[in-house]
Amino acid sequence: MITDLAHLAFLVHDLDASLAFYARLGIHEAFRIHHDDGTLMLVYLHVGGDRFIELFPAEDGAPAPAQDDASPSSSFGPPTGYFHLCLRSDDLRGDVEALRAGGVPILIEPQVGKDHNLQAWIRDADGHLIELMQLSEDSPQRRIARGER
């Protein structure tokens, strides 16, 4: 089933201030992912191994989305703060089927994300978003974990 914590994601108002804060903790930028139009989507910070923190720049004044909004391109959470928890799986498709069989609704079926990893989305009992992710060998996360840049 779940094998590890992959990342925590936060929406931040001041990306530069957040990067500076985490740098003081010894947690540094690993890579960035951009939208198709070239605008910044998120910054990955490397904590250690293949564990990361994601920082998503929040749009100033952006309202919190509806609780049932689960599209990958939407903002899932409040204007800043907790965004989602990501749990790693070594068999995402099998885990999704087991969760479905156990009565867990699947918000987003397994699909490949911009980082080349397979991902699916669920919510916990309180409605918090959880990303389930199976790392691909060519993903930036795996490359960073192997010490490659």
C-alpha atoms as a PDB file:
ATOM      1  CA  MET A   1       0.000   0.000   0.000  1.00  0.00           C
ATOM      2  CA  ILE A   2       1.513   3.376   0.928  1.00  0.00           C
ATOM      3  CA  THR A   3       5.307   3.216   1.165  1.00  0.00           C
ATOM      4  CA  ASP A   4       6.415   6.699   2.242  1.00  0.00           C
ATOM      5  CA  LEU A   5       5.675  10.389   2.498  1.00  0.00           C
ATOM      6  CA  ALA A   6       6.503  12.022  -0.853  1.00  0.00           C
ATOM      7  CA  HIS A   7       5.834  15.697  -0.196  1.00  0.00           C
ATOM      8  CA  LEU A   8       3.794  18.330   1.597  1.00  0.00           C
ATOM      9  CA  ALA A   9       2.460  21.223  -0.453  1.00  0.00           C
ATOM     10  CA  PHE A  10       1.808  24.788   0.650  1.00  0.00           C
ATOM     11  CA  LEU A  11       0.364  27.848  -1.048  1.00  0.00           C
ATOM     12  CA  VAL A  12       2.572  30.870  -0.311  1.00  0.00           C
ATOM     13  CA  HIS A  13       2.062  34.602  -0.835  1.00  0.00           C
ATOM     14  CA  ASP A  14       5.750  35.521  -1.081  1.00  0.00           C
ATOM     15  CA  LEU A  15       7.718  32.798  -2.838  1.00  0.00           C
ATOM     16  CA  ASP A  16      11.089  34.513  -2.331  1.00  0.00           C
ATOM     17  CA  ALA A  17      10.482  34.899   1.411  1.00  0.00           C
ATOM     18  CA  SER A  18       9.436  31.237   1.638  1.00  0.00           C
ATOM     19  CA  LEU A  19      12.510  30.080  -0.286  1.00  0.00           C
ATOM     20  CA  ALA A  20      14.732  32.156   2.022  1.00  0.00           C
ATOM     21  CA  PHE A  21      13.029  30.743   5.112  1.00  0.00           C
ATOM     22  CA  TYR A  22      13.471  27.116   4.067  1.00  0.00           C
ATOM     23  CA  ALA A  23      17.060  27.812   2.975  1.00  0.00           C
ATOM     24  CA  ARG A  24      17.796  28.906   6.548  1.00  0.00           C
ATOM     25  CA  LEU A  25      16.610  25.429   7.585  1.00  0.00           C
ATOM     26  CA  GLY A  26      18.984  23.836   5.091  1.00  0.00           C
ATOM     27  CA  ILE A  27      16.158  22.938   2.686  1.00  0.00           C
ATOM     28  CA  HIS A  28      16.932  24.285  -0.789  1.00  0.00           C
ATOM     29  CA  GLU A  29      15.252  24.592  -4.161  1.00  0.00           C
ATOM     30  CA  ALA A  30      15.608  21.460  -6.268  1.00  0.00           C
ATOM     31  CA  PHE A  31      13.626  22.273  -9.417  1.00  0.00           C
ATOM     32  CA  ARG A  32      10.645  24.179 -10.799  1.00  0.00           C
ATOM     33  CA  ILE A  33       7.630  23.081 -12.803  1.00  0.00           C
ATOM     34  CA  HIS A  34       5.900  25.490 -15.178  1.00  0.00           C
ATOM     35  CA  HIS A  35       2.445  25.617 -16.745  1.00  0.00           C
ATOM     36  CA  ASP A  36       2.176  25.074 -20.491  1.00  0.00           C
ATOM     37  CA  ASP A  37       2.147  28.869 -20.974  1.00  0.00           C
ATOM     38  CA  GLY A  38       5.531  29.136 -19.226  1.00  0.00           C
ATOM     39  CA  THR A  39       4.300  30.654 -15.977  1.00  0.00           C
ATOM     40  CA  LEU A  40       5.543  29.147 -12.731  1.00  0.00           C
ATOM     41  CA  MET A  41       3.379  26.388 -11.320  1.00  0.00           C
ATOM     42  CA  LEU A  42       5.441  25.291  -8.308  1.00  0.00           C
ATOM     43  CA  VAL A  43       8.881  25.020  -6.771  1.00  0.00           C
ATOM     44  CA  TYR A  44      10.139  21.765  -5.278  1.00  0.00           C
ATOM     45  CA  LEU A  45      12.418  21.968  -2.226  1.00  0.00           C
ATOM     46  CA  HIS A  46      14.567  18.932  -1.432  1.00  0.00           C
ATOM     47  CA  VAL A  47      14.256  17.775   2.180  1.00  0.00           C
ATOM     48  CA  GLY A  48      16.239  14.534   1.799  1.00  0.00           C
ATOM     49  CA  GLY A  49      16.143  11.298  -0.158  1.00  0.00           C
ATOM     50  CA  ASP A  50      13.040  11.490  -2.303  1.00  0.00           C
ATOM     51  CA  ARG A  51      11.067  13.664   0.128  1.00  0.00           C
ATOM     52  CA  PHE A  52      10.156  17.206  -0.857  1.00  0.00           C
ATOM     53  CA  ILE A  53       8.162  20.303   0.016  1.00  0.00           C
ATOM     54  CA  GLU A  54       6.178  21.938  -2.789  1.00  0.00           C
ATOM     55  CA  LEU A  55       5.615  25.693  -2.769  1.00  0.00           C
ATOM     56  CA  PHE A  56       2.805  26.987  -4.985  1.00  0.00           C
ATOM     57  CA  PRO A  57       2.694  30.758  -5.512  1.00  0.00           C
ATOM     58  CA  ALA A  58      -0.769  31.921  -4.404  1.00  0.00           C
ATOM     59  CA  GLU A  59      -2.595  34.493  -6.438  1.00  0.00           C
ATOM     60  CA  ASP A  60      -3.203  37.575  -4.316  1.00  0.00           C
ATOM     61  CA  GLY A  61      -6.842  37.775  -3.346  1.00  0.00           C
ATOM     62  CA  ALA A  62      -7.673  34.413  -4.870  1.00  0.00           C
ATOM     63  CA  PRO A  63     -10.795  32.988  -3.241  1.00  0.00           C
ATOM     64  CA  ALA A  64     -10.757  29.505  -1.797  1.00  0.00           C
ATOM     65  CA  PRO A  65     -12.246  27.047  -4.303  1.00  0.00           C
ATOM     66  CA  ALA A  66     -15.360  25.007  -3.683  1.00  0.00           C
ATOM     67  CA  GLN A  67     -14.763  21.908  -1.551  1.00  0.00           C
ATOM     68  CA  ASP A  68     -15.720  19.617  -4.424  1.00  0.00           C
ATOM     69  CA  ASP A  69     -13.282  21.180  -6.914  1.00  0.00           C
ATOM     70  CA  ALA A  70     -10.700  18.535  -7.686  1.00  0.00           C
ATOM     71  CA  SER A  71      -9.325  19.422 -11.093  1.00  0.00           C
ATOM     72  CA  PRO A  72      -5.513  19.209 -11.233  1.00  0.00           C
ATOM     73  CA  SER A  73      -5.254  22.717 -12.665  1.00  0.00           C
ATOM     74  CA  SER A  74      -7.344  24.360  -9.958  1.00  0.00           C
ATOM     75  CA  SER A  75      -6.308  25.649  -6.570  1.00  0.00           C
ATOM     76  CA  PHE A  76      -7.389  22.991  -4.095  1.00  0.00           C
ATOM     77  CA  GLY A  77      -7.037  24.829  -0.831  1.00  0.00           C
ATOM     78  CA  PRO A  78      -7.239  28.192   0.858  1.00  0.00           C
ATOM     79  CA  PRO A  79      -5.403  31.257  -0.520  1.00  0.00           C
ATOM     80  CA  THR A  80      -2.309  30.270   1.526  1.00  0.00           C
ATOM     81  CA  GLY A  81      -1.287  27.501   3.889  1.00  0.00           C
ATOM     82  CA  TYR A  82      -1.805  23.773   3.690  1.00  0.00           C
ATOM     83  CA  PHE A  83      -2.409  22.637   0.120  1.00  0.00           C
ATOM     84  CA  HIS A  84      -2.158  18.841   0.105  1.00  0.00           C
ATOM     85  CA  LEU A  85      -0.313  15.812   1.438  1.00  0.00           C
ATOM     86  CA  CYS A  86       1.303  13.426  -1.028  1.00  0.00           C
ATOM     87  CA  LEU A  87       1.800   9.767  -0.175  1.00  0.00           C
ATOM     88  CA  ARG A  88       4.024   7.538  -2.251  1.00  0.00           C
ATOM     89  CA  SER A  89       2.919   4.210  -3.678  1.00  0.00           C
ATOM     90  CA  ASP A  90       4.882   1.554  -5.537  1.00  0.00           C
ATOM     91  CA  ASP A  91       1.710   0.255  -7.272  1.00  0.00           C
ATOM     92  CA  LEU A  92      -0.609   3.213  -7.728  1.00  0.00           C
ATOM     93  CA  ARG A  93      -3.117   1.548 -10.035  1.00  0.00           C
ATOM     94  CA  GLY A  94      -3.416  -1.442  -7.704  1.00  0.00           C
ATOM     95  CA  ASP A  95      -3.720   0.805  -4.660  1.00  0.00           C
ATOM     96  CA  VAL A  96      -6.433   2.889  -6.317  1.00  0.00           C
ATOM     97  CA  GLU A  97      -8.428  -0.250  -7.068  1.00  0.00           C
ATOM     98  CA  ALA A  98      -7.986  -1.476  -3.475  1.00  0.00           C
ATOM     99  CA  LEU A  99      -9.090   1.904  -2.113  1.00  0.00           C
ATOM    100  CA  ARG A 100     -12.103   1.955  -4.432  1.00  0.00           C
ATOM    101  CA  ALA A 101     -13.036  -1.580  -3.335  1.00  0.00           C
ATOM    102  CA  GLY A 102     -12.746  -0.379   0.266  1.00  0.00           C
ATOM    103  CA  GLY A 103     -15.235   2.419  -0.351  1.00  0.00           C
ATOM    104  CA  VAL A 104     -12.803   5.328  -0.805  1.00  0.00           C
ATOM    105  CA  PRO A 105     -14.002   7.671  -3.566  1.00  0.00           C
ATOM    106  CA  ILE A 106     -11.323   8.431  -6.159  1.00  0.00           C
ATOM    107  CA  LEU A 107     -11.468  12.131  -7.067  1.00  0.00           C
ATOM    108  CA  ILE A 108      -8.990  11.919  -9.927  1.00  0.00           C
ATOM    109  CA  GLU A 109      -8.115   8.629 -11.567  1.00  0.00           C
ATOM    110  CA  PRO A 110      -4.443   7.731 -12.138  1.00  0.00           C
ATOM    111  CA  GLN A 111      -2.786  10.003 -14.685  1.00  0.00           C
ATOM    112  CA  VAL A 112       0.721  11.163 -15.517  1.00  0.00           C
ATOM    113  CA  GLY A 113       1.591  14.616 -14.151  1.00  0.00           C
ATOM    114  CA  LYS A 114       3.960  17.277 -15.485  1.00  0.00           C
ATOM    115  CA  ASP A 115       6.762  15.700 -13.429  1.00  0.00           C
ATOM    116  CA  HIS A 116       6.281  12.350 -15.280  1.00  0.00           C
ATOM    117  CA  ASN A 117       4.913  10.632 -12.171  1.00  0.00           C
ATOM    118  CA  LEU A 118       1.659   8.691 -11.999  1.00  0.00           C
ATOM    119  CA  GLN A 119      -0.777  10.372  -9.616  1.00  0.00           C
ATOM    120  CA  ALA A 120      -4.330  10.014  -8.314  1.00  0.00           C
ATOM    121  CA  TRP A 121      -6.293  12.092  -5.801  1.00  0.00           C
ATOM    122  CA  ILE A 122      -8.539  11.282  -2.824  1.00  0.00           C
ATOM    123  CA  ARG A 123      -9.802  13.151   0.247  1.00  0.00           C
ATOM    124  CA  ASP A 124      -9.444  12.127   3.871  1.00  0.00           C
ATOM    125  CA  ALA A 125     -12.375  11.914   6.299  1.00  0.00           C
ATOM    126  CA  ASP A 126     -12.204  15.689   6.915  1.00  0.00           C
ATOM    127  CA  GLY A 127     -12.031  16.571   3.234  1.00  0.00           C
ATOM    128  CA  HIS A 128      -8.281  17.280   3.058  1.00  0.00           C
ATOM    129  CA  LEU A 129      -6.779  16.515  -0.319  1.00  0.00           C
ATOM    130  CA  ILE A 130      -4.306  13.659  -0.598  1.00  0.00           C
ATOM    131  CA  GLU A 131      -2.250  13.028  -3.696  1.00  0.00           C
ATOM    132  CA  LEU A 132      -1.136   9.444  -4.244  1.00  0.00           C
ATOM    133  CA  MET A 133       1.995   9.248  -6.387  1.00  0.00           C
ATOM    134  CA  GLN A 134       4.105   6.551  -7.982  1.00  0.00           C
ATOM    135  CA  LEU A 135       7.526   7.942  -8.874  1.00  0.00           C
ATOM    136  CA  SER A 136       8.850   7.233 -12.359  1.00  0.00           C
ATOM    137  CA  GLU A 137      12.553   6.604 -12.847  1.00  0.00           C
ATOM    138  CA  ASP A 138      12.867   9.655 -15.131  1.00  0.00           C
ATOM    139  CA  SER A 139      11.089  12.059 -12.769  1.00  0.00           C
ATOM    140  CA  PRO A 140      12.967  15.070 -11.374  1.00  0.00           C
ATOM    141  CA  GLN A 141      12.338  13.734  -7.859  1.00  0.00           C
ATOM    142  CA  ARG A 142      14.165  10.467  -8.632  1.00  0.00           C
ATOM    143  CA  ARG A 143      17.026  12.333 -10.327  1.00  0.00           C
ATOM    144  CA  ILE A 144      17.489  14.617  -7.302  1.00  0.00           C
ATOM    145  CA  ALA A 145      17.311  11.614  -4.920  1.00  0.00           C
ATOM    146  CA  ARG A 146      20.085   9.938  -6.970  1.00  0.00           C
ATOM    147  CA  GLY A 147      22.226  13.081  -6.635  1.00  0.00           C
ATOM    148  CA  GLU A 148      21.773  14.108 -10.264  1.00  0.00           C
ATOM    149  CA  ARG A 149      20.937  17.679 -11.242  1.00  0.00           C
END
